[in-house]
Amino acid sequence: MSRIFTTSFASVYPHYVAKVERKGRTQAELDQVIEWLTGFDESALKDHLAAGTTFEDFFAEARLNPHASLITGVVCGVRVEEVEDPLMQKIRYLDKLVDELARGRSMDKVLRG
């Protein structure tokens, strides 16, 4: 089991926020990306952050977007579409979306519109 599975989502979320804000994007845009991927609205996301939910539990409760399989590319030298562990693949999907947002990609493309 990877250490990230038992890491709280709330401990990583500020790093996601800092990454996108450094590149001129907003926390609201990040939250929109997370909602698209997981189905968690603003209230549910805040609840998970306040509760210190682990990545494992966070994605266990998520309703993954049916278009998530359209997320392709490389994160940390690994192609997200080739990750075998389902939980790790979901985490990499999120990482890839955050990377795309931070790189200035349009929201329509990030959300596979």
PDB file of N, CA and C in Angstrom:
ATOM      1  N   MET A   1       0.848  -1.183   0.000  1.00  0.00           N
ATOM      2  CA  MET A   1       0.000   0.000   0.000  1.00  0.00           C
ATOM      3  C   MET A   1       0.891   1.243   0.000  1.00  0.00           C
ATOM      4  N   SER A   2       0.573   2.147  -0.856  1.00  0.00           N
ATOM      5  CA  SER A   2       1.332   3.386  -0.947  1.00  0.00           C
ATOM      6  C   SER A   2       1.001   4.303   0.227  1.00  0.00           C
ATOM      7  N   ARG A   3       1.993   5.050   0.666  1.00  0.00           N
ATOM      8  CA  ARG A   3       1.802   5.971   1.783  1.00  0.00           C
ATOM      9  C   ARG A   3       0.757   7.045   1.473  1.00  0.00           C
ATOM     10  N   ILE A   4       0.641   7.412   0.204  1.00  0.00           N
ATOM     11  CA  ILE A   4      -0.316   8.465  -0.170  1.00  0.00           C
ATOM     12  C   ILE A   4      -1.751   8.036   0.139  1.00  0.00           C
ATOM     13  N   PHE A   5      -2.037   6.734   0.120  1.00  0.00           N
ATOM     14  CA  PHE A   5      -3.395   6.254   0.361  1.00  0.00           C
ATOM     15  C   PHE A   5      -3.887   6.653   1.752  1.00  0.00           C
ATOM     16  N   THR A   6      -2.990   6.667   2.721  1.00  0.00           N
ATOM     17  CA  THR A   6      -3.367   6.972   4.103  1.00  0.00           C
ATOM     18  C   THR A   6      -3.073   8.425   4.491  1.00  0.00           C
ATOM     19  N   THR A   7      -2.602   9.198   3.529  1.00  0.00           N
ATOM     20  CA  THR A   7      -2.364  10.626   3.743  1.00  0.00           C
ATOM     21  C   THR A   7      -3.696  11.351   3.657  1.00  0.00           C
ATOM     22  N   SER A   8      -3.890  12.339   4.509  1.00  0.00           N
ATOM     23  CA  SER A   8      -5.156  13.074   4.450  1.00  0.00           C
ATOM     24  C   SER A   8      -5.171  13.988   3.225  1.00  0.00           C
ATOM     25  N   PHE A   9      -6.323  14.030   2.592  1.00  0.00           N
ATOM     26  CA  PHE A   9      -6.507  14.906   1.439  1.00  0.00           C
ATOM     27  C   PHE A   9      -6.275  16.357   1.849  1.00  0.00           C
ATOM     28  N   ALA A  10      -6.687  16.699   3.070  1.00  0.00           N
ATOM     29  CA  ALA A  10      -6.543  18.066   3.572  1.00  0.00           C
ATOM     30  C   ALA A  10      -5.086  18.493   3.681  1.00  0.00           C
ATOM     31  N   SER A  11      -4.172  17.559   3.870  1.00  0.00           N
ATOM     32  CA  SER A  11      -2.755  17.922   3.975  1.00  0.00           C
ATOM     33  C   SER A  11      -2.131  18.217   2.615  1.00  0.00           C
ATOM     34  N   VAL A  12      -2.732  17.710   1.551  1.00  0.00           N
ATOM     35  CA  VAL A  12      -2.200  17.921   0.194  1.00  0.00           C
ATOM     36  C   VAL A  12      -2.917  19.067  -0.517  1.00  0.00           C
ATOM     37  N   TYR A  13      -4.172  19.281  -0.176  1.00  0.00           N
ATOM     38  CA  TYR A  13      -4.987  20.307  -0.826  1.00  0.00           C
ATOM     39  C   TYR A  13      -4.319  21.689  -0.845  1.00  0.00           C
ATOM     40  N   PRO A  14      -3.715  22.163   0.262  1.00  0.00           N
ATOM     41  CA  PRO A  14      -3.058  23.481   0.212  1.00  0.00           C
ATOM     42  C   PRO A  14      -1.918  23.541  -0.824  1.00  0.00           C
ATOM     43  N   HIS A  15      -1.283  22.408  -1.065  1.00  0.00           N
ATOM     44  CA  HIS A  15      -0.225  22.369  -2.084  1.00  0.00           C
ATOM     45  C   HIS A  15      -0.821  22.500  -3.488  1.00  0.00           C
ATOM     46  N   TYR A  16      -1.973  21.872  -3.700  1.00  0.00           N
ATOM     47  CA  TYR A  16      -2.677  22.033  -4.976  1.00  0.00           C
ATOM     48  C   TYR A  16      -3.054  23.501  -5.174  1.00  0.00           C
ATOM     49  N   VAL A  17      -3.609  24.114  -4.127  1.00  0.00           N
ATOM     50  CA  VAL A  17      -4.018  25.516  -4.199  1.00  0.00           C
ATOM     51  C   VAL A  17      -2.815  26.403  -4.513  1.00  0.00           C
ATOM     52  N   ALA A  18      -1.718  26.196  -3.793  1.00  0.00           N
ATOM     53  CA  ALA A  18      -0.516  27.013  -4.011  1.00  0.00           C
ATOM     54  C   ALA A  18       0.006  26.847  -5.434  1.00  0.00           C
ATOM     55  N   LYS A  19      -0.019  25.631  -5.934  1.00  0.00           N
ATOM     56  CA  LYS A  19       0.484  25.364  -7.289  1.00  0.00           C
ATOM     57  C   LYS A  19      -0.320  26.120  -8.337  1.00  0.00           C
ATOM     58  N   VAL A  20      -1.648  26.044  -8.246  1.00  0.00           N
ATOM     59  CA  VAL A  20      -2.454  26.704  -9.274  1.00  0.00           C
ATOM     60  C   VAL A  20      -2.419  28.221  -9.115  1.00  0.00           C
ATOM     61  N   GLU A  21      -2.385  28.708  -7.870  1.00  0.00           N
ATOM     62  CA  GLU A  21      -2.351  30.163  -7.661  1.00  0.00           C
ATOM     63  C   GLU A  21      -1.025  30.768  -8.113  1.00  0.00           C
ATOM     64  N   ARG A  22       0.062  30.029  -7.956  1.00  0.00           N
ATOM     65  CA  ARG A  22       1.373  30.498  -8.445  1.00  0.00           C
ATOM     66  C   ARG A  22       1.339  30.738  -9.953  1.00  0.00           C
ATOM     67  N   LYS A  23       0.490  29.983 -10.626  1.00  0.00           N
ATOM     68  CA  LYS A  23       0.406  30.073 -12.081  1.00  0.00           C
ATOM     69  C   LYS A  23      -0.761  30.933 -12.555  1.00  0.00           C
ATOM     70  N   GLY A  24      -1.363  31.699 -11.613  1.00  0.00           N
ATOM     71  CA  GLY A  24      -2.402  32.639 -12.001  1.00  0.00           C
ATOM     72  C   GLY A  24      -3.804  32.074 -12.064  1.00  0.00           C
ATOM     73  N   ARG A  25      -4.010  30.862 -11.559  1.00  0.00           N
ATOM     74  CA  ARG A  25      -5.349  30.284 -11.521  1.00  0.00           C
ATOM     75  C   ARG A  25      -5.914  30.459 -10.112  1.00  0.00           C
ATOM     76  N   THR A  26      -7.166  30.085  -9.900  1.00  0.00           N
ATOM     77  CA  THR A  26      -7.799  30.345  -8.611  1.00  0.00           C
ATOM     78  C   THR A  26      -8.171  29.050  -7.889  1.00  0.00           C
ATOM     79  N   GLN A  27      -8.400  29.215  -6.586  1.00  0.00           N
ATOM     80  CA  GLN A  27      -8.865  28.089  -5.785  1.00  0.00           C
ATOM     81  C   GLN A  27     -10.238  27.629  -6.272  1.00  0.00           C
ATOM     82  N   ALA A  28     -11.063  28.546  -6.706  1.00  0.00           N
ATOM     83  CA  ALA A  28     -12.391  28.206  -7.225  1.00  0.00           C
ATOM     84  C   ALA A  28     -12.274  27.305  -8.458  1.00  0.00           C
ATOM     85  N   GLU A  29     -11.307  27.608  -9.321  1.00  0.00           N
ATOM     86  CA  GLU A  29     -11.093  26.761 -10.497  1.00  0.00           C
ATOM     87  C   GLU A  29     -10.630  25.369 -10.075  1.00  0.00           C
ATOM     88  N   LEU A  30      -9.740  25.317  -9.092  1.00  0.00           N
ATOM     89  CA  LEU A  30      -9.278  24.029  -8.573  1.00  0.00           C
ATOM     90  C   LEU A  30     -10.460  23.240  -8.022  1.00  0.00           C
ATOM     91  N   ASP A  31     -11.305  23.894  -7.240  1.00  0.00           N
ATOM     92  CA  ASP A  31     -12.469  23.226  -6.666  1.00  0.00           C
ATOM     93  C   ASP A  31     -13.412  22.720  -7.758  1.00  0.00           C
ATOM     94  N   GLN A  32     -13.518  23.483  -8.828  1.00  0.00           N
ATOM     95  CA  GLN A  32     -14.357  23.061  -9.954  1.00  0.00           C
ATOM     96  C   GLN A  32     -13.794  21.792 -10.591  1.00  0.00           C
ATOM     97  N   VAL A  33     -12.485  21.717 -10.724  1.00  0.00           N
ATOM     98  CA  VAL A  33     -11.822  20.527 -11.283  1.00  0.00           C
ATOM     99  C   VAL A  33     -12.058  19.324 -10.364  1.00  0.00           C
ATOM    100  N   ILE A  34     -11.909  19.533  -9.057  1.00  0.00           N
ATOM    101  CA  ILE A  34     -12.124  18.444  -8.096  1.00  0.00           C
ATOM    102  C   ILE A  34     -13.577  17.977  -8.144  1.00  0.00           C
ATOM    103  N   GLU A  35     -14.506  18.931  -8.245  1.00  0.00           N
ATOM    104  CA  GLU A  35     -15.921  18.563  -8.337  1.00  0.00           C
ATOM    105  C   GLU A  35     -16.198  17.764  -9.601  1.00  0.00           C
ATOM    106  N   TRP A  36     -15.606  18.173 -10.712  1.00  0.00           N
ATOM    107  CA  TRP A  36     -15.805  17.454 -11.975  1.00  0.00           C
ATOM    108  C   TRP A  36     -15.327  16.007 -11.844  1.00  0.00           C
ATOM    109  N   LEU A  37     -14.163  15.821 -11.247  1.00  0.00           N
ATOM    110  CA  LEU A  37     -13.592  14.476 -11.143  1.00  0.00           C
ATOM    111  C   LEU A  37     -14.327  13.612 -10.128  1.00  0.00           C
ATOM    112  N   THR A  38     -14.656  14.174  -8.965  1.00  0.00           N
ATOM    113  CA  THR A  38     -15.151  13.365  -7.848  1.00  0.00           C
ATOM    114  C   THR A  38     -16.658  13.437  -7.618  1.00  0.00           C
ATOM    115  N   GLY A  39     -17.293  14.494  -8.111  1.00  0.00           N
ATOM    116  CA  GLY A  39     -18.705  14.697  -7.851  1.00  0.00           C
ATOM    117  C   GLY A  39     -18.979  15.418  -6.534  1.00  0.00           C
ATOM    118  N   PHE A  40     -17.924  15.768  -5.788  1.00  0.00           N
ATOM    119  CA  PHE A  40     -18.100  16.467  -4.518  1.00  0.00           C
ATOM    120  C   PHE A  40     -18.356  17.944  -4.772  1.00  0.00           C
ATOM    121  N   ASP A  41     -19.494  18.453  -4.293  1.00  0.00           N
ATOM    122  CA  ASP A  41     -19.753  19.880  -4.404  1.00  0.00           C
ATOM    123  C   ASP A  41     -18.943  20.620  -3.336  1.00  0.00           C
ATOM    124  N   GLU A  42     -19.090  21.932  -3.288  1.00  0.00           N
ATOM    125  CA  GLU A  42     -18.302  22.758  -2.362  1.00  0.00           C
ATOM    126  C   GLU A  42     -18.476  22.305  -0.914  1.00  0.00           C
ATOM    127  N   SER A  43     -19.695  22.018  -0.538  1.00  0.00           N
ATOM    128  CA  SER A  43     -19.996  21.605   0.826  1.00  0.00           C
ATOM    129  C   SER A  43     -19.327  20.263   1.172  1.00  0.00           C
ATOM    130  N   ALA A  44     -19.456  19.300   0.271  1.00  0.00           N
ATOM    131  CA  ALA A  44     -18.860  17.983   0.505  1.00  0.00           C
ATOM    132  C   ALA A  44     -17.339  18.078   0.560  1.00  0.00           C
ATOM    133  N   LEU A  45     -16.763  18.904  -0.312  1.00  0.00           N
ATOM    134  CA  LEU A  45     -15.314  19.087  -0.311  1.00  0.00           C
ATOM    135  C   LEU A  45     -14.853  19.678   1.018  1.00  0.00           C
ATOM    136  N   LYS A  46     -15.561  20.702   1.489  1.00  0.00           N
ATOM    137  CA  LYS A  46     -15.211  21.310   2.784  1.00  0.00           C
ATOM    138  C   LYS A  46     -15.323  20.298   3.917  1.00  0.00           C
ATOM    139  N   ASP A  47     -16.338  19.447   3.861  1.00  0.00           N
ATOM    140  CA  ASP A  47     -16.503  18.418   4.893  1.00  0.00           C
ATOM    141  C   ASP A  47     -15.318  17.456   4.906  1.00  0.00           C
ATOM    142  N   HIS A  48     -14.870  17.044   3.725  1.00  0.00           N
ATOM    143  CA  HIS A  48     -13.715  16.141   3.635  1.00  0.00           C
ATOM    144  C   HIS A  48     -12.445  16.821   4.145  1.00  0.00           C
ATOM    145  N   LEU A  49     -12.284  18.080   3.811  1.00  0.00           N
ATOM    146  CA  LEU A  49     -11.108  18.816   4.279  1.00  0.00           C
ATOM    147  C   LEU A  49     -11.129  18.956   5.800  1.00  0.00           C
ATOM    148  N   ALA A  50     -12.294  19.265   6.360  1.00  0.00           N
ATOM    149  CA  ALA A  50     -12.417  19.438   7.812  1.00  0.00           C
ATOM    150  C   ALA A  50     -12.230  18.116   8.553  1.00  0.00           C
ATOM    151  N   ALA A  51     -12.673  17.029   7.955  1.00  0.00           N
ATOM    152  CA  ALA A  51     -12.608  15.722   8.608  1.00  0.00           C
ATOM    153  C   ALA A  51     -11.231  15.073   8.495  1.00  0.00           C
ATOM    154  N   GLY A  52     -10.391  15.596   7.614  1.00  0.00           N
ATOM    155  CA  GLY A  52      -9.074  14.986   7.432  1.00  0.00           C
ATOM    156  C   GLY A  52      -9.146  13.642   6.725  1.00  0.00           C
ATOM    157  N   THR A  53     -10.100  13.495   5.835  1.00  0.00           N
ATOM    158  CA  THR A  53     -10.322  12.255   5.097  1.00  0.00           C
ATOM    159  C   THR A  53      -9.054  11.831   4.352  1.00  0.00           C
ATOM    160  N   THR A  54      -8.725  10.537   4.422  1.00  0.00           N
ATOM    161  CA  THR A  54      -7.563  10.022   3.683  1.00  0.00           C
ATOM    162  C   THR A  54      -7.904   9.966   2.194  1.00  0.00           C
ATOM    163  N   PHE A  55      -6.875   9.904   1.362  1.00  0.00           N
ATOM    164  CA  PHE A  55      -7.114   9.768  -0.075  1.00  0.00           C
ATOM    165  C   PHE A  55      -7.924   8.510  -0.366  1.00  0.00           C
ATOM    166  N   GLU A  56      -7.633   7.443   0.370  1.00  0.00           N
ATOM    167  CA  GLU A  56      -8.357   6.189   0.162  1.00  0.00           C
ATOM    168  C   GLU A  56      -9.853   6.378   0.403  1.00  0.00           C
ATOM    169  N   ASP A  57     -10.212   7.003   1.516  1.00  0.00           N
ATOM    170  CA  ASP A  57     -11.622   7.231   1.829  1.00  0.00           C
ATOM    171  C   ASP A  57     -12.241   8.301   0.935  1.00  0.00           C
ATOM    172  N   PHE A  58     -11.448   9.310   0.597  1.00  0.00           N
ATOM    173  CA  PHE A  58     -11.908  10.383  -0.276  1.00  0.00           C
ATOM    174  C   PHE A  58     -12.392   9.812  -1.608  1.00  0.00           C
ATOM    175  N   PHE A  59     -11.559   8.969  -2.222  1.00  0.00           N
ATOM    176  CA  PHE A  59     -11.939   8.420  -3.524  1.00  0.00           C
ATOM    177  C   PHE A  59     -12.937   7.268  -3.399  1.00  0.00           C
ATOM    178  N   ALA A  60     -12.982   6.626  -2.232  1.00  0.00           N
ATOM    179  CA  ALA A  60     -13.991   5.577  -2.018  1.00  0.00           C
ATOM    180  C   ALA A  60     -15.394   6.182  -2.025  1.00  0.00           C
ATOM    181  N   GLU A  61     -15.522   7.403  -1.538  1.00  0.00           N
ATOM    182  CA  GLU A  61     -16.822   8.071  -1.489  1.00  0.00           C
ATOM    183  C   GLU A  61     -17.130   8.856  -2.771  1.00  0.00           C
ATOM    184  N   ALA A  62     -16.139   9.046  -3.615  1.00  0.00           N
ATOM    185  CA  ALA A  62     -16.319   9.846  -4.828  1.00  0.00           C
ATOM    186  C   ALA A  62     -17.121   9.081  -5.882  1.00  0.00           C
ATOM    187  N   ARG A  63     -17.839   9.840  -6.688  1.00  0.00           N
ATOM    188  CA  ARG A  63     -18.488   9.298  -7.880  1.00  0.00           C
ATOM    189  C   ARG A  63     -17.643   9.777  -9.062  1.00  0.00           C
ATOM    190  N   LEU A  64     -16.684   8.970  -9.456  1.00  0.00           N
ATOM    191  CA  LEU A  64     -15.744   9.375 -10.493  1.00  0.00           C
ATOM    192  C   LEU A  64     -16.478   9.726 -11.780  1.00  0.00           C
ATOM    193  N   ASN A  65     -16.095  10.835 -12.377  1.00  0.00           N
ATOM    194  CA  ASN A  65     -16.710  11.296 -13.616  1.00  0.00           C
ATOM    195  C   ASN A  65     -16.565  10.211 -14.686  1.00  0.00           C
ATOM    196  N   PRO A  66     -17.632   9.929 -15.445  1.00  0.00           N
ATOM    197  CA  PRO A  66     -17.550   8.893 -16.479  1.00  0.00           C
ATOM    198  C   PRO A  66     -16.518   9.200 -17.571  1.00  0.00           C
ATOM    199  N   HIS A  67     -16.142  10.472 -17.692  1.00  0.00           N
ATOM    200  CA  HIS A  67     -15.156  10.851 -18.703  1.00  0.00           C
ATOM    201  C   HIS A  67     -13.724  10.872 -18.156  1.00  0.00           C
ATOM    202  N   ALA A  68     -13.540  10.409 -16.935  1.00  0.00           N
ATOM    203  CA  ALA A  68     -12.201  10.411 -16.326  1.00  0.00           C
ATOM    204  C   ALA A  68     -11.210   9.587 -17.141  1.00  0.00           C
ATOM    205  N   SER A  69     -11.699   8.573 -17.832  1.00  0.00           N
ATOM    206  CA  SER A  69     -10.797   7.741 -18.635  1.00  0.00           C
ATOM    207  C   SER A  69     -10.189   8.515 -19.805  1.00  0.00           C
ATOM    208  N   LEU A  70     -10.728   9.697 -20.102  1.00  0.00           N
ATOM    209  CA  LEU A  70     -10.165  10.542 -21.161  1.00  0.00           C
ATOM    210  C   LEU A  70      -8.909  11.276 -20.682  1.00  0.00           C
ATOM    211  N   ILE A  71      -8.626  11.216 -19.378  1.00  0.00           N
ATOM    212  CA  ILE A  71      -7.441  11.868 -18.831  1.00  0.00           C
ATOM    213  C   ILE A  71      -6.238  10.995 -19.162  1.00  0.00           C
ATOM    214  N   THR A  72      -5.346  11.541 -19.967  1.00  0.00           N
ATOM    215  CA  THR A  72      -4.152  10.804 -20.366  1.00  0.00           C
ATOM    216  C   THR A  72      -2.937  11.696 -20.188  1.00  0.00           C
ATOM    217  N   GLY A  73      -1.791  11.090 -20.210  1.00  0.00           N
ATOM    218  CA  GLY A  73      -0.556  11.846 -20.099  1.00  0.00           C
ATOM    219  C   GLY A  73       0.326  11.299 -18.999  1.00  0.00           C
ATOM    220  N   VAL A  74       1.385  12.048 -18.717  1.00  0.00           N
ATOM    221  CA  VAL A  74       2.400  11.588 -17.777  1.00  0.00           C
ATOM    222  C   VAL A  74       2.404  12.451 -16.520  1.00  0.00           C
ATOM    223  N   VAL A  75       2.432  11.793 -15.375  1.00  0.00           N
ATOM    224  CA  VAL A  75       2.603  12.446 -14.077  1.00  0.00           C
ATOM    225  C   VAL A  75       3.713  11.694 -13.359  1.00  0.00           C
ATOM    226  N   CYS A  76       4.733  12.417 -12.949  1.00  0.00           N
ATOM    227  CA  CYS A  76       5.875  11.804 -12.248  1.00  0.00           C
ATOM    228  C   CYS A  76       6.484  10.667 -13.066  1.00  0.00           C
ATOM    229  N   GLY A  77       6.531  10.840 -14.368  1.00  0.00           N
ATOM    230  CA  GLY A  77       7.159   9.857 -15.243  1.00  0.00           C
ATOM    231  C   GLY A  77       6.333   8.612 -15.517  1.00  0.00           C
ATOM    232  N   VAL A  78       5.073   8.613 -15.098  1.00  0.00           N
ATOM    233  CA  VAL A  78       4.204   7.454 -15.291  1.00  0.00           C
ATOM    234  C   VAL A  78       2.970   7.879 -16.070  1.00  0.00           C
ATOM    235  N   ARG A  79       2.612   7.109 -17.092  1.00  0.00           N
ATOM    236  CA  ARG A  79       1.404   7.402 -17.862  1.00  0.00           C
ATOM    237  C   ARG A  79       0.182   7.061 -17.007  1.00  0.00           C
ATOM    238  N   VAL A  80      -0.699   8.030 -16.799  1.00  0.00           N
ATOM    239  CA  VAL A  80      -1.849   7.824 -15.913  1.00  0.00           C
ATOM    240  C   VAL A  80      -2.768   6.721 -16.415  1.00  0.00           C
ATOM    241  N   GLU A  81      -2.869   6.569 -17.713  1.00  0.00           N
ATOM    242  CA  GLU A  81      -3.756   5.542 -18.261  1.00  0.00           C
ATOM    243  C   GLU A  81      -3.202   4.129 -18.083  1.00  0.00           C
ATOM    244  N   GLU A  82      -1.935   4.011 -17.693  1.00  0.00           N
ATOM    245  CA  GLU A  82      -1.312   2.700 -17.511  1.00  0.00           C
ATOM    246  C   GLU A  82      -1.138   2.317 -16.042  1.00  0.00           C
ATOM    247  N   VAL A  83      -1.573   3.172 -15.119  1.00  0.00           N
ATOM    248  CA  VAL A  83      -1.464   2.861 -13.690  1.00  0.00           C
ATOM    249  C   VAL A  83      -2.418   1.719 -13.382  1.00  0.00           C
ATOM    250  N   GLU A  84      -1.897   0.638 -12.784  1.00  0.00           N
ATOM    251  CA  GLU A  84      -2.706  -0.560 -12.562  1.00  0.00           C
ATOM    252  C   GLU A  84      -3.595  -0.475 -11.331  1.00  0.00           C
ATOM    253  N   ASP A  85      -3.111   0.118 -10.248  1.00  0.00           N
ATOM    254  CA  ASP A  85      -3.909   0.205  -9.032  1.00  0.00           C
ATOM    255  C   ASP A  85      -5.007   1.238  -9.226  1.00  0.00           C
ATOM    256  N   PRO A  86      -6.278   0.863  -9.073  1.00  0.00           N
ATOM    257  CA  PRO A  86      -7.386   1.802  -9.325  1.00  0.00           C
ATOM    258  C   PRO A  86      -7.332   3.062  -8.462  1.00  0.00           C
ATOM    259  N   LEU A  87      -6.980   2.926  -7.199  1.00  0.00           N
ATOM    260  CA  LEU A  87      -6.907   4.101  -6.327  1.00  0.00           C
ATOM    261  C   LEU A  87      -5.771   5.019  -6.747  1.00  0.00           C
ATOM    262  N   MET A  88      -4.619   4.447  -7.026  1.00  0.00           N
ATOM    263  CA  MET A  88      -3.482   5.265  -7.459  1.00  0.00           C
ATOM    264  C   MET A  88      -3.812   5.951  -8.778  1.00  0.00           C
ATOM    265  N   GLN A  89      -4.536   5.283  -9.652  1.00  0.00           N
ATOM    266  CA  GLN A  89      -4.913   5.905 -10.921  1.00  0.00           C
ATOM    267  C   GLN A  89      -5.815   7.115 -10.681  1.00  0.00           C
ATOM    268  N   LYS A  90      -6.744   7.021  -9.745  1.00  0.00           N
ATOM    269  CA  LYS A  90      -7.622   8.151  -9.438  1.00  0.00           C
ATOM    270  C   LYS A  90      -6.815   9.327  -8.882  1.00  0.00           C
ATOM    271  N   ILE A  91      -5.854   9.016  -8.024  1.00  0.00           N
ATOM    272  CA  ILE A  91      -4.997  10.070  -7.475  1.00  0.00           C
ATOM    273  C   ILE A  91      -4.186  10.714  -8.587  1.00  0.00           C
ATOM    274  N   ARG A  92      -3.680   9.923  -9.503  1.00  0.00           N
ATOM    275  CA  ARG A  92      -2.915  10.458 -10.637  1.00  0.00           C
ATOM    276  C   ARG A  92      -3.796  11.261 -11.583  1.00  0.00           C
ATOM    277  N   TYR A  93      -5.048  10.846 -11.741  1.00  0.00           N
ATOM    278  CA  TYR A  93      -5.987  11.652 -12.535  1.00  0.00           C
ATOM    279  C   TYR A  93      -6.081  13.050 -11.939  1.00  0.00           C
ATOM    280  N   LEU A  94      -6.249  13.125 -10.629  1.00  0.00           N
ATOM    281  CA  LEU A  94      -6.345  14.418  -9.962  1.00  0.00           C
ATOM    282  C   LEU A  94      -5.051  15.212 -10.149  1.00  0.00           C
ATOM    283  N   ASP A  95      -3.919  14.563  -9.965  1.00  0.00           N
ATOM    284  CA  ASP A  95      -2.629  15.236 -10.154  1.00  0.00           C
ATOM    285  C   ASP A  95      -2.507  15.796 -11.572  1.00  0.00           C
ATOM    286  N   LYS A  96      -2.923  15.010 -12.545  1.00  0.00           N
ATOM    287  CA  LYS A  96      -2.833  15.433 -13.948  1.00  0.00           C
ATOM    288  C   LYS A  96      -3.736  16.642 -14.206  1.00  0.00           C
ATOM    289  N   LEU A  97      -4.948  16.627 -13.665  1.00  0.00           N
ATOM    290  CA  LEU A  97      -5.855  17.758 -13.854  1.00  0.00           C
ATOM    291  C   LEU A  97      -5.299  19.023 -13.203  1.00  0.00           C
ATOM    292  N   VAL A  98      -4.722  18.873 -12.009  1.00  0.00           N
ATOM    293  CA  VAL A  98      -4.119  20.027 -11.330  1.00  0.00           C
ATOM    294  C   VAL A  98      -2.954  20.560 -12.168  1.00  0.00           C
ATOM    295  N   ASP A  99      -2.132  19.669 -12.711  1.00  0.00           N
ATOM    296  CA  ASP A  99      -1.016  20.088 -13.571  1.00  0.00           C
ATOM    297  C   ASP A  99      -1.524  20.861 -14.787  1.00  0.00           C
ATOM    298  N   GLU A 100      -2.558  20.342 -15.431  1.00  0.00           N
ATOM    299  CA  GLU A 100      -3.101  21.003 -16.623  1.00  0.00           C
ATOM    300  C   GLU A 100      -3.663  22.383 -16.274  1.00  0.00           C
ATOM    301  N   LEU A 101      -4.348  22.477 -15.153  1.00  0.00           N
ATOM    302  CA  LEU A 101      -4.890  23.757 -14.707  1.00  0.00           C
ATOM    303  C   LEU A 101      -3.751  24.739 -14.461  1.00  0.00           C
ATOM    304  N   ALA A 102      -2.717  24.290 -13.774  1.00  0.00           N
ATOM    305  CA  ALA A 102      -1.577  25.154 -13.459  1.00  0.00           C
ATOM    306  C   ALA A 102      -0.818  25.581 -14.713  1.00  0.00           C
ATOM    307  N   ARG A 103      -0.852  24.767 -15.738  1.00  0.00           N
ATOM    308  CA  ARG A 103      -0.137  25.106 -16.974  1.00  0.00           C
ATOM    309  C   ARG A 103      -0.920  26.077 -17.853  1.00  0.00           C
ATOM    310  N   GLY A 104      -2.123  26.447 -17.405  1.00  0.00           N
ATOM    311  CA  GLY A 104      -2.884  27.435 -18.148  1.00  0.00           C
ATOM    312  C   GLY A 104      -3.824  26.870 -19.187  1.00  0.00           C
ATOM    313  N   ARG A 105      -4.027  25.578 -19.166  1.00  0.00           N
ATOM    314  CA  ARG A 105      -4.949  24.970 -20.114  1.00  0.00           C
ATOM    315  C   ARG A 105      -6.364  25.492 -19.842  1.00  0.00           C
ATOM    316  N   SER A 106      -7.159  25.655 -20.871  1.00  0.00           N
ATOM    317  CA  SER A 106      -8.512  26.185 -20.693  1.00  0.00           C
ATOM    318  C   SER A 106      -9.355  25.184 -19.892  1.00  0.00           C
ATOM    319  N   MET A 107     -10.300  25.719 -19.115  1.00  0.00           N
ATOM    320  CA  MET A 107     -11.148  24.868 -18.278  1.00  0.00           C
ATOM    321  C   MET A 107     -11.910  23.858 -19.126  1.00  0.00           C
ATOM    322  N   ASP A 108     -12.335  24.256 -20.323  1.00  0.00           N
ATOM    323  CA  ASP A 108     -13.066  23.366 -21.208  1.00  0.00           C
ATOM    324  C   ASP A 108     -12.222  22.122 -21.514  1.00  0.00           C
ATOM    325  N   LYS A 109     -10.940  22.324 -21.756  1.00  0.00           N
ATOM    326  CA  LYS A 109     -10.061  21.200 -22.078  1.00  0.00           C
ATOM    327  C   LYS A 109      -9.707  20.396 -20.831  1.00  0.00           C
ATOM    328  N   VAL A 110      -9.471  21.090 -19.710  1.00  0.00           N
ATOM    329  CA  VAL A 110      -9.157  20.388 -18.462  1.00  0.00           C
ATOM    330  C   VAL A 110     -10.311  19.472 -18.081  1.00  0.00           C
ATOM    331  N   LEU A 111     -11.544  19.953 -18.253  1.00  0.00           N
ATOM    332  CA  LEU A 111     -12.732  19.195 -17.879  1.00  0.00           C
ATOM    333  C   LEU A 111     -13.225  18.292 -19.014  1.00  0.00           C
ATOM    334  N   ARG A 112     -12.394  18.121 -19.996  1.00  0.00           N
ATOM    335  CA  ARG A 112     -12.675  17.212 -21.118  1.00  0.00           C
ATOM    336  C   ARG A 112     -14.025  17.529 -21.769  1.00  0.00           C
ATOM    337  N   GLY A 113     -14.234  18.852 -21.990  1.00  0.00           N
ATOM    338  CA  GLY A 113     -15.500  19.318 -22.554  1.00  0.00           C
ATOM    339  C   GLY A 113     -15.590  19.179 -24.031  1.00  0.00           C
TER     340      GLY A 113
END
